[in-house]
N, C-alpha and C. Protein backbone atom coordinates (compact mmCIF):
# COMPACT_ATOMS: atom_id res chain seq x y z
N MET A 1 -29.98 -9.37 -40.71
CA MET A 1 -30.57 -8.14 -40.26
C MET A 1 -29.45 -7.16 -39.85
N LEU A 2 -29.55 -5.91 -40.24
CA LEU A 2 -28.55 -4.91 -39.93
C LEU A 2 -28.88 -4.24 -38.60
N ARG A 3 -27.86 -4.03 -37.83
CA ARG A 3 -28.05 -3.32 -36.56
C ARG A 3 -27.55 -1.88 -36.73
N THR A 4 -28.24 -0.96 -36.17
CA THR A 4 -27.82 0.44 -36.25
C THR A 4 -27.01 0.79 -35.01
N GLN A 5 -26.26 1.83 -35.11
CA GLN A 5 -25.44 2.29 -33.99
C GLN A 5 -26.26 3.02 -32.94
N ARG A 6 -27.37 3.57 -33.36
CA ARG A 6 -28.20 4.34 -32.43
C ARG A 6 -29.17 3.43 -31.71
N LYS A 7 -29.37 3.73 -30.44
CA LYS A 7 -30.35 2.98 -29.67
C LYS A 7 -31.66 3.75 -29.67
N PRO A 8 -32.75 3.06 -29.61
CA PRO A 8 -34.03 3.75 -29.51
C PRO A 8 -34.11 4.53 -28.19
N SER A 9 -34.89 5.58 -28.19
CA SER A 9 -34.97 6.44 -27.01
C SER A 9 -35.50 5.70 -25.79
N TRP A 10 -36.32 4.67 -25.99
CA TRP A 10 -36.85 3.97 -24.83
C TRP A 10 -35.80 3.09 -24.17
N LEU A 11 -34.64 2.87 -24.84
CA LEU A 11 -33.56 2.12 -24.23
C LEU A 11 -32.57 3.01 -23.49
N ASN A 12 -32.69 4.29 -23.69
CA ASN A 12 -31.79 5.24 -23.05
C ASN A 12 -32.07 5.25 -21.55
N LYS A 13 -31.04 5.03 -20.76
CA LYS A 13 -31.22 4.91 -19.31
C LYS A 13 -31.66 6.23 -18.67
N SER A 14 -31.21 7.34 -19.19
CA SER A 14 -31.51 8.62 -18.53
C SER A 14 -32.83 9.24 -18.99
N SER A 15 -33.56 8.57 -19.88
CA SER A 15 -34.77 9.20 -20.41
C SER A 15 -35.86 9.33 -19.35
N GLY A 16 -35.91 8.45 -18.34
CA GLY A 16 -36.95 8.51 -17.33
C GLY A 16 -36.56 9.30 -16.10
N ARG A 17 -35.37 9.84 -16.08
CA ARG A 17 -34.91 10.58 -14.90
C ARG A 17 -35.26 12.05 -15.01
N ASN A 18 -35.49 12.65 -13.85
CA ASN A 18 -35.71 14.09 -13.86
C ASN A 18 -34.36 14.80 -13.75
N LYS A 19 -34.39 16.10 -13.75
CA LYS A 19 -33.14 16.85 -13.79
C LYS A 19 -32.34 16.71 -12.49
N PHE A 20 -33.01 16.39 -11.39
CA PHE A 20 -32.29 16.28 -10.13
C PHE A 20 -31.50 14.98 -10.05
N THR A 21 -32.09 13.89 -10.44
CA THR A 21 -31.37 12.63 -10.39
C THR A 21 -30.37 12.52 -11.53
N HIS A 22 -30.64 13.20 -12.61
CA HIS A 22 -29.74 13.16 -13.76
C HIS A 22 -28.44 13.93 -13.47
N SER A 23 -28.51 14.92 -12.60
CA SER A 23 -27.34 15.77 -12.37
C SER A 23 -26.49 15.29 -11.20
N ARG A 24 -26.74 14.13 -10.65
CA ARG A 24 -25.91 13.62 -9.55
C ARG A 24 -24.49 13.43 -10.05
N LYS A 25 -23.58 13.78 -9.16
CA LYS A 25 -22.17 13.71 -9.53
C LYS A 25 -21.46 12.77 -8.57
N HIS A 26 -20.25 12.52 -8.90
CA HIS A 26 -19.41 11.74 -8.01
C HIS A 26 -19.25 12.51 -6.70
N PRO A 27 -19.26 11.85 -5.56
CA PRO A 27 -19.19 12.57 -4.28
C PRO A 27 -17.99 13.49 -4.15
N LEU A 28 -16.83 13.08 -4.65
CA LEU A 28 -15.65 13.95 -4.55
C LEU A 28 -15.81 15.20 -5.41
N ALA A 29 -16.42 15.05 -6.56
CA ALA A 29 -16.66 16.22 -7.42
C ALA A 29 -17.66 17.15 -6.76
N ALA A 30 -18.65 16.59 -6.09
CA ALA A 30 -19.64 17.41 -5.41
C ALA A 30 -19.00 18.18 -4.26
N VAL A 31 -18.15 17.51 -3.49
CA VAL A 31 -17.46 18.17 -2.38
C VAL A 31 -16.56 19.28 -2.90
N LYS A 32 -15.86 19.01 -3.99
CA LYS A 32 -14.98 20.04 -4.58
C LYS A 32 -15.78 21.24 -5.05
N GLU A 33 -16.91 20.98 -5.68
CA GLU A 33 -17.74 22.08 -6.18
C GLU A 33 -18.26 22.95 -5.04
N VAL A 34 -18.71 22.32 -3.96
CA VAL A 34 -19.19 23.08 -2.80
C VAL A 34 -18.04 23.82 -2.14
N SER A 35 -16.89 23.16 -2.04
CA SER A 35 -15.71 23.81 -1.45
C SER A 35 -15.28 25.03 -2.27
N ASP A 36 -15.31 24.90 -3.58
CA ASP A 36 -14.98 26.04 -4.45
C ASP A 36 -15.97 27.17 -4.26
N ALA A 37 -17.25 26.84 -4.12
CA ALA A 37 -18.26 27.87 -3.90
C ALA A 37 -18.04 28.57 -2.57
N LEU A 38 -17.68 27.82 -1.55
CA LEU A 38 -17.40 28.44 -0.24
C LEU A 38 -16.17 29.34 -0.31
N MET A 39 -15.17 28.93 -1.08
CA MET A 39 -13.98 29.77 -1.24
C MET A 39 -14.32 31.06 -1.98
N ARG A 40 -15.18 30.95 -3.00
CA ARG A 40 -15.61 32.16 -3.72
C ARG A 40 -16.38 33.09 -2.78
N ILE A 41 -17.18 32.52 -1.88
CA ILE A 41 -17.91 33.35 -0.92
C ILE A 41 -16.93 34.05 0.01
N GLU A 42 -15.91 33.34 0.45
CA GLU A 42 -14.93 33.96 1.34
C GLU A 42 -14.21 35.12 0.66
N LYS A 43 -13.78 34.89 -0.57
CA LYS A 43 -13.11 35.96 -1.33
C LYS A 43 -14.05 37.13 -1.60
N THR A 44 -15.29 36.81 -1.92
CA THR A 44 -16.28 37.86 -2.18
C THR A 44 -16.57 38.64 -0.92
N THR A 45 -16.59 37.97 0.23
CA THR A 45 -16.81 38.65 1.50
C THR A 45 -15.70 39.65 1.77
N GLN A 46 -14.48 39.28 1.46
CA GLN A 46 -13.37 40.22 1.62
C GLN A 46 -13.54 41.43 0.70
N ARG A 47 -13.95 41.17 -0.53
CA ARG A 47 -14.18 42.29 -1.45
C ARG A 47 -15.35 43.15 -0.99
N LEU A 48 -16.37 42.52 -0.40
CA LEU A 48 -17.52 43.28 0.10
C LEU A 48 -17.12 44.18 1.25
N ASP A 49 -16.24 43.71 2.12
CA ASP A 49 -15.76 44.56 3.21
C ASP A 49 -15.09 45.81 2.66
N ILE A 50 -14.29 45.62 1.63
CA ILE A 50 -13.62 46.77 1.00
C ILE A 50 -14.66 47.68 0.34
N ALA A 51 -15.65 47.07 -0.30
CA ALA A 51 -16.69 47.87 -0.97
C ALA A 51 -17.51 48.67 0.04
N PHE A 52 -17.83 48.05 1.20
CA PHE A 52 -18.55 48.79 2.24
C PHE A 52 -17.73 49.98 2.73
N SER A 53 -16.43 49.76 2.92
CA SER A 53 -15.56 50.86 3.34
C SER A 53 -15.53 51.96 2.30
N ARG A 54 -15.50 51.56 1.04
CA ARG A 54 -15.48 52.54 -0.04
C ARG A 54 -16.77 53.36 -0.05
N VAL A 55 -17.92 52.69 0.13
CA VAL A 55 -19.20 53.40 0.14
C VAL A 55 -19.24 54.40 1.30
N GLU A 56 -18.76 53.98 2.47
CA GLU A 56 -18.73 54.89 3.61
C GLU A 56 -17.85 56.10 3.32
N ALA A 57 -16.68 55.87 2.74
CA ALA A 57 -15.79 56.98 2.40
C ALA A 57 -16.42 57.90 1.36
N LEU A 58 -17.11 57.32 0.39
CA LEU A 58 -17.76 58.14 -0.64
C LEU A 58 -18.93 58.94 -0.07
N GLU A 59 -19.63 58.39 0.93
CA GLU A 59 -20.69 59.15 1.59
C GLU A 59 -20.11 60.40 2.26
N HIS A 60 -18.95 60.25 2.91
CA HIS A 60 -18.29 61.41 3.51
C HIS A 60 -17.81 62.38 2.43
N THR A 61 -17.38 61.84 1.31
CA THR A 61 -16.93 62.70 0.21
C THR A 61 -18.09 63.54 -0.32
N VAL A 62 -19.27 62.93 -0.45
CA VAL A 62 -20.44 63.68 -0.92
C VAL A 62 -20.81 64.78 0.08
N GLU A 63 -20.76 64.43 1.37
CA GLU A 63 -21.06 65.45 2.39
C GLU A 63 -20.06 66.60 2.31
N ASN A 64 -18.78 66.27 2.17
CA ASN A 64 -17.75 67.31 2.08
C ASN A 64 -17.91 68.15 0.82
N ALA A 65 -18.25 67.50 -0.30
CA ALA A 65 -18.45 68.24 -1.54
C ALA A 65 -19.63 69.20 -1.42
N ALA A 66 -20.69 68.75 -0.74
CA ALA A 66 -21.86 69.63 -0.54
C ALA A 66 -21.49 70.81 0.34
N LEU A 67 -20.71 70.58 1.39
CA LEU A 67 -20.27 71.67 2.25
C LEU A 67 -19.38 72.66 1.50
N LEU A 68 -18.49 72.12 0.68
CA LEU A 68 -17.64 73.00 -0.13
C LEU A 68 -18.46 73.82 -1.11
N PHE A 69 -19.50 73.21 -1.67
CA PHE A 69 -20.36 73.94 -2.60
C PHE A 69 -21.12 75.04 -1.87
N GLU A 70 -21.63 74.74 -0.67
CA GLU A 70 -22.37 75.75 0.11
C GLU A 70 -21.48 76.94 0.47
N ASN A 71 -20.20 76.69 0.66
CA ASN A 71 -19.28 77.76 1.03
C ASN A 71 -18.61 78.41 -0.18
N GLY A 72 -19.00 77.98 -1.38
CA GLY A 72 -18.49 78.62 -2.59
C GLY A 72 -17.12 78.15 -3.02
N VAL A 73 -16.60 77.11 -2.45
CA VAL A 73 -15.26 76.64 -2.80
C VAL A 73 -15.32 75.67 -3.98
N ALA A 74 -16.39 74.89 -4.09
CA ALA A 74 -16.54 73.91 -5.16
C ALA A 74 -17.75 74.27 -6.02
N ASN A 75 -17.75 73.80 -7.25
CA ASN A 75 -18.93 74.02 -8.09
C ASN A 75 -19.86 72.80 -8.01
N TYR A 76 -21.06 72.95 -8.57
CA TYR A 76 -22.06 71.90 -8.43
C TYR A 76 -21.70 70.65 -9.21
N LEU A 77 -20.90 70.79 -10.25
CA LEU A 77 -20.46 69.64 -11.03
C LEU A 77 -19.65 68.67 -10.16
N GLU A 78 -18.84 69.21 -9.26
CA GLU A 78 -18.07 68.36 -8.36
C GLU A 78 -18.98 67.60 -7.40
N VAL A 79 -20.06 68.23 -6.96
CA VAL A 79 -21.02 67.57 -6.07
C VAL A 79 -21.73 66.45 -6.83
N ILE A 80 -22.16 66.73 -8.04
CA ILE A 80 -22.86 65.72 -8.84
C ILE A 80 -21.92 64.56 -9.18
N THR A 81 -20.67 64.85 -9.47
CA THR A 81 -19.71 63.79 -9.76
C THR A 81 -19.52 62.89 -8.55
N ALA A 82 -19.38 63.47 -7.37
CA ALA A 82 -19.22 62.68 -6.14
C ALA A 82 -20.47 61.83 -5.89
N GLN A 83 -21.65 62.40 -6.13
CA GLN A 83 -22.88 61.65 -5.94
C GLN A 83 -22.99 60.50 -6.95
N GLY A 84 -22.55 60.74 -8.18
CA GLY A 84 -22.60 59.69 -9.20
C GLY A 84 -21.67 58.53 -8.87
N ILE A 85 -20.48 58.86 -8.38
CA ILE A 85 -19.53 57.80 -8.00
C ILE A 85 -20.08 57.01 -6.82
N LEU A 86 -20.69 57.70 -5.85
CA LEU A 86 -21.31 57.02 -4.71
C LEU A 86 -22.44 56.11 -5.17
N LEU A 87 -23.27 56.59 -6.05
CA LEU A 87 -24.40 55.79 -6.55
C LEU A 87 -23.91 54.55 -7.29
N GLN A 88 -22.88 54.70 -8.10
CA GLN A 88 -22.33 53.55 -8.82
C GLN A 88 -21.75 52.53 -7.86
N SER A 89 -21.07 52.97 -6.82
CA SER A 89 -20.51 52.05 -5.83
C SER A 89 -21.61 51.33 -5.06
N GLN A 90 -22.68 52.03 -4.72
CA GLN A 90 -23.80 51.40 -4.04
C GLN A 90 -24.49 50.38 -4.94
N LEU A 91 -24.61 50.69 -6.22
CA LEU A 91 -25.21 49.76 -7.17
C LEU A 91 -24.36 48.50 -7.33
N ASP A 92 -23.04 48.68 -7.45
CA ASP A 92 -22.14 47.52 -7.54
C ASP A 92 -22.26 46.65 -6.30
N LEU A 93 -22.36 47.29 -5.15
CA LEU A 93 -22.48 46.55 -3.90
C LEU A 93 -23.79 45.79 -3.83
N SER A 94 -24.88 46.42 -4.24
CA SER A 94 -26.19 45.76 -4.17
C SER A 94 -26.29 44.61 -5.17
N LEU A 95 -25.56 44.67 -6.27
CA LEU A 95 -25.57 43.57 -7.24
C LEU A 95 -24.69 42.41 -6.80
N THR A 96 -23.66 42.70 -6.02
CA THR A 96 -22.73 41.67 -5.58
C THR A 96 -23.29 40.86 -4.43
N LEU A 97 -24.05 41.49 -3.55
CA LEU A 97 -24.56 40.79 -2.36
C LEU A 97 -25.35 39.53 -2.67
N PRO A 98 -26.36 39.57 -3.55
CA PRO A 98 -27.11 38.33 -3.79
C PRO A 98 -26.30 37.26 -4.51
N LEU A 99 -25.33 37.66 -5.30
CA LEU A 99 -24.56 36.70 -6.08
C LEU A 99 -23.63 35.85 -5.22
N THR A 100 -23.34 36.32 -3.99
CA THR A 100 -22.42 35.57 -3.16
C THR A 100 -23.00 34.23 -2.75
N SER A 101 -24.27 34.17 -2.46
CA SER A 101 -24.84 32.90 -2.01
C SER A 101 -25.47 32.09 -3.13
N ILE A 102 -25.73 32.68 -4.26
CA ILE A 102 -26.35 31.93 -5.36
C ILE A 102 -25.44 30.80 -5.81
N GLY A 103 -24.14 31.08 -5.93
CA GLY A 103 -23.20 30.05 -6.35
C GLY A 103 -23.16 28.87 -5.39
N LEU A 104 -23.22 29.16 -4.09
CA LEU A 104 -23.21 28.07 -3.11
C LEU A 104 -24.49 27.26 -3.21
N TRP A 105 -25.63 27.91 -3.32
CA TRP A 105 -26.89 27.18 -3.42
C TRP A 105 -26.95 26.34 -4.68
N GLU A 106 -26.39 26.85 -5.76
CA GLU A 106 -26.34 26.05 -6.99
C GLU A 106 -25.46 24.83 -6.81
N ALA A 107 -24.31 25.02 -6.15
CA ALA A 107 -23.39 23.91 -5.94
C ALA A 107 -24.02 22.84 -5.05
N VAL A 108 -24.69 23.27 -3.99
CA VAL A 108 -25.34 22.32 -3.09
C VAL A 108 -26.53 21.67 -3.78
N GLY A 109 -27.32 22.46 -4.49
CA GLY A 109 -28.52 21.95 -5.12
C GLY A 109 -28.25 20.97 -6.25
N ASN A 110 -27.17 21.17 -6.97
CA ASN A 110 -26.85 20.27 -8.08
C ASN A 110 -26.33 18.92 -7.61
N ASN A 111 -25.97 18.84 -6.35
CA ASN A 111 -25.36 17.61 -5.85
C ASN A 111 -26.24 16.85 -4.87
N LEU A 112 -27.51 17.16 -4.87
CA LEU A 112 -28.42 16.45 -3.97
C LEU A 112 -28.60 15.01 -4.39
């Protein structure tokens, strides 16, 4: 009788496991993954502090551009440009905030 190299699916050990038990990792790998996620959060927090400062500065820039426009020193294009840059910075900030903790939750969740 010839034996095949492939095992039937019912002999596969991981066929009865769900995705949570299947994704268990070695404890050191799990600790490293969570540690890396925490480091990414720390670095992202530093970037967020800079981004918050930038948004505050851009808010003052928009106010100043509006004042200059009211006094006839600047044209409306300069006001719209300042508002567009502020809006883009606020959008970047709002997209970055949720992503900071998602990586940590994924790292913790995959290693349960």
